[in-house]
Protein backbone atom coordinates (compact mmCIF):
# COMPACT_ATOMS: atom_id res chain seq x y z
CA LEU A 1 -3.96 -9.66 166.33
CA ILE A 2 -2.44 -6.20 166.00
CA GLU A 3 -3.49 -3.15 168.00
CA GLY A 4 -2.22 0.30 167.23
CA GLU A 5 -2.87 3.33 165.11
CA LEU A 6 -2.09 4.96 161.79
CA GLN A 7 -0.22 8.24 161.96
CA ASN A 8 -0.15 10.67 159.03
CA ARG A 9 2.37 13.46 158.82
CA SER A 10 4.15 15.60 156.26
CA TYR A 11 7.44 17.39 155.86
CA VAL A 12 9.12 19.64 153.31
CA ASP A 13 12.22 18.12 151.73
CA LYS A 14 15.38 19.96 150.69
CA ASN A 15 13.86 20.69 147.25
CA ASN A 16 10.93 22.46 148.94
CA ILE A 17 8.51 19.65 148.02
CA THR A 18 5.92 18.60 150.59
CA ARG A 19 6.14 14.86 151.29
CA TYR A 20 3.41 12.89 153.04
CA ILE A 21 4.00 9.85 155.23
CA THR A 22 1.65 7.26 156.71
CA GLU A 23 3.15 5.28 159.59
CA ILE A 24 1.78 2.23 161.37
CA ILE A 25 2.33 2.52 165.13
CA VAL A 26 1.92 -0.93 166.75
CA ASP A 27 1.06 -0.94 170.45
CA ARG A 28 0.55 -4.69 170.76
CA ALA A 29 0.93 -7.65 168.40
CA SER A 30 0.19 -11.30 169.08
CA PHE A 31 -0.21 -14.46 167.08
CA THR A 32 -3.59 -16.19 167.11
CA GLY A 33 -4.69 -19.60 165.95
CA ASP A 34 -3.33 -23.09 166.32
CA LYS A 35 0.36 -23.87 166.45
CA ARG A 36 1.70 -25.71 163.47
CA PRO A 37 3.04 -29.19 164.19
CA GLU A 38 6.53 -28.32 162.93
CA SER A 39 9.47 -29.28 165.11
CA ASN A 40 11.12 -25.86 164.86
CA GLY A 41 8.00 -23.78 165.55
CA GLY A 42 7.73 -22.61 161.94
CA TYR A 43 11.13 -20.92 161.95
CA GLN A 44 13.15 -21.47 158.78
CA GLN A 45 16.88 -21.48 159.32
CA ASN A 46 17.92 -19.98 155.98
CA ALA A 47 14.78 -17.84 155.46
CA GLY A 48 15.15 -18.14 151.69
CA PHE A 49 18.65 -16.73 151.48
CA PRO A 50 21.34 -18.66 149.61
CA GLU A 51 23.81 -20.63 151.67
CA PRO A 52 27.52 -20.96 150.89
CA PRO A 53 28.67 -24.37 149.60
CA PRO A 54 29.97 -26.78 152.24
CA GLN A 55 33.73 -26.86 152.75
CA HIS A 56 36.01 -29.75 153.57
CA PRO A 57 37.27 -29.57 157.18
CA ALA A 58 40.86 -28.87 156.06
CA GLU A 59 39.75 -25.99 153.83
CA ALA A 60 37.55 -24.52 156.54
CA ALA A 61 40.41 -24.48 159.04
CA ASN A 62 42.85 -22.83 156.62
CA SER A 63 40.61 -20.18 155.10
CA ALA A 64 39.20 -16.96 156.47
CA PRO A 65 35.43 -16.62 156.56
CA SER A 66 34.04 -15.66 153.18
CA ALA A 67 32.66 -12.15 152.84
CA SER A 68 29.64 -13.49 150.98
CA ASN A 69 28.37 -16.20 153.35
CA GLY A 70 25.05 -15.94 151.56
CA SER A 71 24.85 -12.19 152.06
CA TYR A 72 24.34 -9.52 149.46
CA THR A 73 26.62 -6.66 148.50
CA ALA A 74 25.66 -3.01 148.19
CA GLN A 75 25.75 -3.43 144.40
CA ASP A 76 22.84 -5.88 144.62
CA PHE A 77 20.64 -3.01 145.79
CA ALA A 78 21.99 -0.31 143.48
CA ALA A 79 19.49 -1.14 140.74
CA SER A 80 16.45 -0.69 143.01
CA GLY A 81 15.81 2.77 141.55
CA ALA A 82 15.48 4.46 144.94
CA ALA A 83 17.89 7.28 145.63
CA ASP A 84 19.04 8.13 149.14
CA ASP A 85 17.36 11.52 148.73
CA ASP A 86 13.96 9.79 148.51
CA TYR A 87 14.02 8.90 152.21
CA PRO A 88 13.36 11.37 155.05
CA PHE A 89 16.14 9.96 157.25
């Protein structure tokens, strides 16, 4: 159940183009229905993100934490096609 409102507004960007925005303002949100019989309450630990390969204990003690650790770099998002100028913030 979600209670709230839609808010429409507009602004003029730096190229003098009027942009329109629709925002969802949530006042209250709650889950309805039966709980699932999962032991972790439906929470997934990795949430679909890749995990780093397991290390041997000796390697883990001697190495610094990997920068990747299943995370993505800025280059992964460069091909999205959206320029920073497309966002009003």
